[in-house]
Amino acid sequence: MKKIFLSFFIFILTGIIAGCPSPGKARKKMPPLFRINFVMETGAEPSFMISEDFNMDGKLDLVVTNSGDNTLSYFKGRGDGTFKDQIIMKTGEDPICVVAADFNNDDYLDLAVLNYRDQSINFHINSRFGNFKKTNVLLKPGKIPINMTTGDFNFDGVADLAVTMRYHKVMILLGKGKGHFQEPVAIAVRGQPTGIVTGDYDRDKIVDVAVALAGSGNTGVQILWGKGNGTFEPSDRFKGGKQPLTIANIDVDSDGYDDLVTSSNVHHAMTLIRNNKDKTFTALKDFASGSFPKYVTVADFTGDGKPDIAVSNSTDDLITVSLGRGDGTFTYPPIAHVTDEYPQGMITGDFNDDGLIDMAVTCRDKQLVNILMKRNIVDPKPDIPAQPPAKAQQTA
């Protein structure tokens, strides 16, 4: 069962969100938007991934969780679409999620790692210039943690954590500063919480939390409406797909309100949940995705001001991209991009400083990260063969 829960994190969908054409009316396939430009070796079973400028040099870096050998892989970006050799950092047992925030209030981004097997959260403090040191702080949020997000839930300027737990709970851990936290407080939810994301869904300038709910008879989404003091008011359950495991924010209709997307690698489908702007949400039609979709990321890949969607389809070894029209619909069929085996975690960013959005994806079975560079469709350049994988040279 554990491997099912490795697929919750960051966000999935493919295909058209509204007005999906029938098979007989499929449109001509578009050429790929991305090409693999760089490949890096990771630890065993890479899955979740984040990207930030950890050493404040103006270049995006990457951090990857490796659940198979209890490590993080940290790659410092060079700013040209390539990365330096990985720095290996030890974690707890079976790391499945990592988030970045300034947990000790020194203006540098630190790391919090959620570990599945020993049911813990450990921290790596940024000692400036992008060097991390594992602390002795070890949090125990509860039994069977699934996913994690961060935000300032009580307006004290200190990063807090929210963790989904297998058995109908979300745990809130309020930061005290200097890398320490208050005791976790449980919030009951209607189903088995899986994916989790923060946002301001009613635009009251207070952080809310959206939770994907799986489990028999209680699937969908639930909003924890923030009160601004570290407490939350749970909403009713809204319909939102069958056994959703992943949830993401996306303003599909350009009305300034975040909508939601859920996805399920069990049903190979995704669902758009429209924000009605009155603290209610309405689920629209389910749409098929690729085989066993794992993660989704949202970005404006074409520069037209409309959010697009990229999805890792693990058993297809494909990344598929659906281009948004800005009215709640997306292009069909999605644009396919071949990756190494079993793509999972995804993240976007401008890794070579050319003003175009690129992608990075973890490939579990090959223990690799693929860097997919955005092609300049207006002024295309010849493809550059992918460079050999970078190897580990440092341990932290």
Foldseek 3Di string as FASTA:
>chain_A
DVVQLLQQEAADAAAKAPDGDDPVPFDDADADQWDFAAKAFFDAQWFAKDWDQQQPPPFIKMWIAHQVPQWIWTWHFPQALDTAFTAIEHHPHRWRDKDWDQQAPPPGIWIWTQHFPVQKIWIWHRPHSNDTDTDPDIGRQDHGWRYKDWDQQQPPPHIWMWIFHQAQWIWTWHGPHRNDTDHTDIDGHDAGWAAKDWDQQLPPPGIKMKTAHADPPQGAIWIFDGPNHRHTDIDHGAHWDHRFHYKDWFQQQPPPGTWMKTDHLVQQWIWTWDRPSPPDIHIDDIDHHAHRWRHKDWDQQPPPPGIKMWIQHQQVQWIWIWHGPNHSITHPPTHIDHHPHGWHYKDWDSRNPPPGIWMWIAHNVVSMITTIHGADPVDGDDDDDYDDHRHHDHYD
